[in-house]
């Protein structure tokens, strides 16, 4: 698989109520050359179960212990393959 143009990093921490809307909005974009890196920052709600219901090969998941927003973003950056990076908070 070739590298996407954009890597979208979505930090997730206890956002069960909004993460589905966030991902639906992202996946509905007319621009399609992107990957989505969802970084589970050790949340305790059902957000990652919601993320798991999405069946899109562009979505990649990284789980980690809680370290805060910047730590989650940095973990996503280390996984990013795109030429450009965008952050989208869930």
N, C-alpha and C. Protein backbone atom coordinates (compact mmCIF):
# COMPACT_ATOMS: atom_id res chain seq x y z
N UNK A 1 0.84 -1.18 0.00
CA UNK A 1 0.00 0.00 0.00
C UNK A 1 0.89 1.25 0.00
N UNK A 2 0.61 2.18 -0.86
CA UNK A 2 1.39 3.40 -0.92
C UNK A 2 1.03 4.33 0.24
N UNK A 3 1.94 5.20 0.57
CA UNK A 3 1.73 6.13 1.67
C UNK A 3 0.61 7.12 1.33
N UNK A 4 -0.25 7.42 2.28
CA UNK A 4 -1.31 8.39 2.03
C UNK A 4 -0.75 9.80 2.02
N UNK A 5 -1.51 10.72 1.45
CA UNK A 5 -1.09 12.11 1.45
C UNK A 5 -1.19 12.72 2.84
N UNK A 6 -2.24 12.38 3.57
CA UNK A 6 -2.49 12.97 4.89
C UNK A 6 -2.66 11.88 5.94
N UNK A 7 -2.05 12.08 7.08
CA UNK A 7 -2.28 11.25 8.27
C UNK A 7 -3.10 12.08 9.24
N UNK A 8 -4.27 11.58 9.60
CA UNK A 8 -5.12 12.26 10.57
C UNK A 8 -5.01 11.52 11.89
N UNK A 9 -4.55 12.23 12.91
CA UNK A 9 -4.33 11.63 14.22
C UNK A 9 -5.49 12.03 15.13
N UNK A 10 -6.17 11.01 15.69
CA UNK A 10 -7.33 11.23 16.54
C UNK A 10 -7.03 10.67 17.93
N UNK A 11 -6.64 11.52 18.88
CA UNK A 11 -6.44 11.06 20.25
C UNK A 11 -7.80 10.72 20.88
N UNK A 12 -7.87 9.61 21.60
CA UNK A 12 -9.14 9.16 22.19
C UNK A 12 -8.92 8.89 23.67
N UNK A 13 -9.67 9.62 24.49
CA UNK A 13 -9.66 9.39 25.94
C UNK A 13 -11.05 9.72 26.48
N UNK A 14 -11.81 8.69 26.81
CA UNK A 14 -13.14 8.84 27.39
C UNK A 14 -14.05 9.74 26.55
N UNK A 15 -14.15 9.41 25.28
CA UNK A 15 -14.99 10.18 24.34
C UNK A 15 -16.03 9.28 23.68
N UNK A 16 -16.54 8.33 24.44
CA UNK A 16 -17.51 7.38 23.89
C UNK A 16 -18.69 8.08 23.23
N UNK A 17 -19.12 9.21 23.77
CA UNK A 17 -20.28 9.91 23.25
C UNK A 17 -20.06 10.67 21.96
N UNK A 18 -18.81 10.92 21.58
CA UNK A 18 -18.55 11.73 20.39
C UNK A 18 -17.66 11.07 19.34
N UNK A 19 -17.00 9.97 19.68
CA UNK A 19 -16.02 9.41 18.75
C UNK A 19 -16.66 8.88 17.47
N UNK A 20 -17.85 8.32 17.53
CA UNK A 20 -18.49 7.82 16.30
C UNK A 20 -18.79 8.97 15.35
N UNK A 21 -19.32 10.07 15.87
CA UNK A 21 -19.61 11.23 15.03
C UNK A 21 -18.33 11.79 14.43
N UNK A 22 -17.27 11.81 15.20
CA UNK A 22 -15.98 12.29 14.72
C UNK A 22 -15.49 11.45 13.54
N UNK A 23 -15.51 10.13 13.70
CA UNK A 23 -15.02 9.26 12.63
C UNK A 23 -15.94 9.26 11.42
N UNK A 24 -17.26 9.29 11.63
CA UNK A 24 -18.18 9.37 10.49
C UNK A 24 -17.92 10.64 9.68
N UNK A 25 -17.73 11.75 10.37
CA UNK A 25 -17.45 13.02 9.70
C UNK A 25 -16.16 12.94 8.89
N UNK A 26 -15.15 12.38 9.48
CA UNK A 26 -13.87 12.25 8.80
C UNK A 26 -13.96 11.35 7.58
N UNK A 27 -14.60 10.21 7.71
CA UNK A 27 -14.70 9.25 6.61
C UNK A 27 -15.63 9.72 5.50
N UNK A 28 -16.45 10.72 5.77
CA UNK A 28 -17.38 11.24 4.76
C UNK A 28 -16.75 12.33 3.88
N UNK A 29 -15.51 12.66 4.10
CA UNK A 29 -14.86 13.71 3.31
C UNK A 29 -14.74 13.28 1.85
N UNK A 30 -14.80 14.25 0.95
CA UNK A 30 -14.66 13.93 -0.47
C UNK A 30 -13.20 13.63 -0.82
N UNK A 31 -12.27 14.21 -0.10
CA UNK A 31 -10.85 13.88 -0.25
C UNK A 31 -10.64 12.53 0.41
N UNK A 32 -10.08 11.57 -0.29
CA UNK A 32 -10.02 10.20 0.22
C UNK A 32 -8.60 9.68 0.52
N UNK A 33 -7.57 10.44 0.16
CA UNK A 33 -6.20 9.94 0.30
C UNK A 33 -5.63 10.25 1.69
N UNK A 34 -6.20 9.59 2.69
CA UNK A 34 -5.74 9.81 4.05
C UNK A 34 -5.81 8.51 4.85
N UNK A 35 -5.04 8.49 5.93
CA UNK A 35 -5.14 7.42 6.91
C UNK A 35 -5.63 8.05 8.21
N UNK A 36 -6.25 7.25 9.03
CA UNK A 36 -6.73 7.70 10.33
C UNK A 36 -5.99 6.89 11.39
N UNK A 37 -5.31 7.59 12.27
CA UNK A 37 -4.60 6.93 13.36
C UNK A 37 -5.32 7.29 14.66
N UNK A 38 -6.04 6.32 15.20
CA UNK A 38 -6.75 6.52 16.45
C UNK A 38 -5.83 6.07 17.57
N UNK A 39 -5.55 6.99 18.50
CA UNK A 39 -4.65 6.67 19.60
C UNK A 39 -5.48 6.61 20.89
N UNK A 40 -5.62 5.40 21.41
CA UNK A 40 -6.31 5.18 22.69
C UNK A 40 -5.34 5.56 23.80
N UNK A 41 -5.65 6.63 24.52
CA UNK A 41 -4.77 7.12 25.57
C UNK A 41 -5.16 6.56 26.93
N UNK A 42 -5.56 5.29 26.95
CA UNK A 42 -5.84 4.63 28.21
C UNK A 42 -7.17 5.01 28.84
N UNK A 43 -8.15 5.35 28.01
CA UNK A 43 -9.47 5.71 28.53
C UNK A 43 -10.15 4.54 29.22
N UNK A 44 -11.19 4.86 29.99
CA UNK A 44 -11.89 3.85 30.77
C UNK A 44 -13.34 3.67 30.36
N UNK A 45 -13.79 4.36 29.34
CA UNK A 45 -15.17 4.19 28.88
C UNK A 45 -15.19 3.25 27.68
N UNK A 46 -16.26 3.24 26.92
CA UNK A 46 -16.40 2.33 25.79
C UNK A 46 -16.01 2.92 24.45
N UNK A 47 -15.20 3.97 24.44
CA UNK A 47 -14.84 4.64 23.19
C UNK A 47 -14.17 3.70 22.20
N UNK A 48 -13.27 2.87 22.67
CA UNK A 48 -12.54 2.00 21.75
C UNK A 48 -13.43 0.88 21.20
N UNK A 49 -14.44 0.49 21.94
CA UNK A 49 -15.40 -0.47 21.40
C UNK A 49 -16.17 0.17 20.25
N UNK A 50 -16.49 1.45 20.39
CA UNK A 50 -17.15 2.19 19.31
C UNK A 50 -16.23 2.26 18.09
N UNK A 51 -14.97 2.60 18.31
CA UNK A 51 -14.00 2.66 17.21
C UNK A 51 -13.92 1.31 16.51
N UNK A 52 -13.99 0.25 17.26
CA UNK A 52 -13.89 -1.10 16.71
C UNK A 52 -15.04 -1.47 15.79
N UNK A 53 -16.13 -0.73 15.82
CA UNK A 53 -17.25 -1.02 14.93
C UNK A 53 -17.04 -0.49 13.52
N UNK A 54 -16.02 0.33 13.32
CA UNK A 54 -15.73 0.90 12.00
C UNK A 54 -14.88 -0.08 11.21
N UNK A 55 -15.32 -0.37 10.00
CA UNK A 55 -14.62 -1.30 9.13
C UNK A 55 -14.08 -0.54 7.92
N UNK A 56 -12.96 0.12 8.12
CA UNK A 56 -12.35 0.90 7.05
C UNK A 56 -10.84 0.66 7.13
N UNK A 57 -10.23 0.21 6.05
CA UNK A 57 -8.80 -0.13 6.10
C UNK A 57 -7.89 1.08 6.35
N UNK A 58 -8.43 2.28 6.23
CA UNK A 58 -7.60 3.47 6.49
C UNK A 58 -7.44 3.74 7.98
N UNK A 59 -8.25 3.08 8.82
CA UNK A 59 -8.18 3.31 10.26
C UNK A 59 -7.17 2.35 10.89
N UNK A 60 -6.22 2.95 11.60
CA UNK A 60 -5.25 2.16 12.38
C UNK A 60 -5.37 2.59 13.83
N UNK A 61 -5.15 1.65 14.74
CA UNK A 61 -5.34 1.92 16.16
C UNK A 61 -4.03 1.70 16.91
N UNK A 62 -3.77 2.59 17.82
CA UNK A 62 -2.61 2.48 18.72
C UNK A 62 -3.13 2.60 20.14
N UNK A 63 -2.87 1.62 20.96
CA UNK A 63 -3.26 1.66 22.37
C UNK A 63 -2.04 1.96 23.22
N UNK A 64 -2.23 2.78 24.25
CA UNK A 64 -1.13 3.13 25.14
C UNK A 64 -1.68 3.49 26.51
N UNK A 65 -0.81 3.52 27.49
CA UNK A 65 -1.18 3.97 28.82
C UNK A 65 -1.43 5.46 28.78
N UNK A 66 -2.26 5.93 29.68
CA UNK A 66 -2.59 7.36 29.71
C UNK A 66 -1.35 8.20 29.95
N UNK A 67 -1.17 9.16 29.06
CA UNK A 67 -0.04 10.07 29.19
C UNK A 67 -0.42 11.50 28.85
N UNK A 68 -1.70 11.71 28.53
CA UNK A 68 -2.16 13.05 28.19
C UNK A 68 -2.21 13.27 26.68
N UNK A 69 -2.82 14.38 26.33
CA UNK A 69 -3.07 14.70 24.92
C UNK A 69 -1.80 14.76 24.09
N UNK A 70 -0.78 15.45 24.58
CA UNK A 70 0.46 15.56 23.80
C UNK A 70 1.13 14.22 23.61
N UNK A 71 1.09 13.38 24.61
CA UNK A 71 1.67 12.05 24.51
C UNK A 71 0.93 11.23 23.45
N UNK A 72 -0.40 11.34 23.43
CA UNK A 72 -1.19 10.61 22.43
C UNK A 72 -0.89 11.12 21.02
N UNK A 73 -0.80 12.42 20.88
CA UNK A 73 -0.48 12.99 19.56
C UNK A 73 0.90 12.53 19.09
N UNK A 74 1.86 12.54 19.99
CA UNK A 74 3.21 12.10 19.62
C UNK A 74 3.23 10.63 19.23
N UNK A 75 2.47 9.80 19.92
CA UNK A 75 2.39 8.38 19.56
C UNK A 75 1.82 8.24 18.15
N UNK A 76 0.81 9.04 17.83
CA UNK A 76 0.24 9.03 16.49
C UNK A 76 1.24 9.51 15.44
N UNK A 77 1.99 10.53 15.78
CA UNK A 77 3.01 11.05 14.85
C UNK A 77 4.03 9.98 14.50
N UNK A 78 4.40 9.17 15.47
CA UNK A 78 5.38 8.12 15.21
C UNK A 78 4.84 7.06 14.24
N UNK A 79 3.53 6.93 14.16
CA UNK A 79 2.92 5.96 13.25
C UNK A 79 2.59 6.56 11.88
N UNK A 80 2.56 7.87 11.80
CA UNK A 80 2.09 8.56 10.59
C UNK A 80 2.96 8.25 9.38
N UNK A 81 2.30 8.00 8.25
CA UNK A 81 3.00 7.73 7.00
C UNK A 81 2.73 8.80 5.95
N UNK A 82 1.83 9.72 6.25
CA UNK A 82 1.43 10.74 5.28
C UNK A 82 2.45 11.85 5.11
N UNK A 83 2.34 12.54 4.00
CA UNK A 83 3.20 13.69 3.74
C UNK A 83 2.82 14.85 4.66
N UNK A 84 1.52 14.95 4.94
CA UNK A 84 1.00 15.98 5.81
C UNK A 84 0.32 15.32 7.00
N UNK A 85 0.23 16.06 8.12
CA UNK A 85 -0.40 15.54 9.33
C UNK A 85 -1.47 16.52 9.77
N UNK A 86 -2.61 15.97 10.19
CA UNK A 86 -3.68 16.77 10.75
C UNK A 86 -4.10 16.14 12.06
N UNK A 87 -4.47 16.97 13.02
CA UNK A 87 -4.97 16.48 14.30
C UNK A 87 -6.46 16.74 14.37
N UNK A 88 -7.21 15.74 14.83
CA UNK A 88 -8.65 15.89 14.99
C UNK A 88 -9.01 15.31 16.35
N UNK A 89 -9.41 16.17 17.26
CA UNK A 89 -9.78 15.71 18.60
C UNK A 89 -11.19 15.15 18.55
N UNK A 90 -11.36 14.00 19.21
CA UNK A 90 -12.65 13.34 19.21
C UNK A 90 -13.59 13.99 20.20
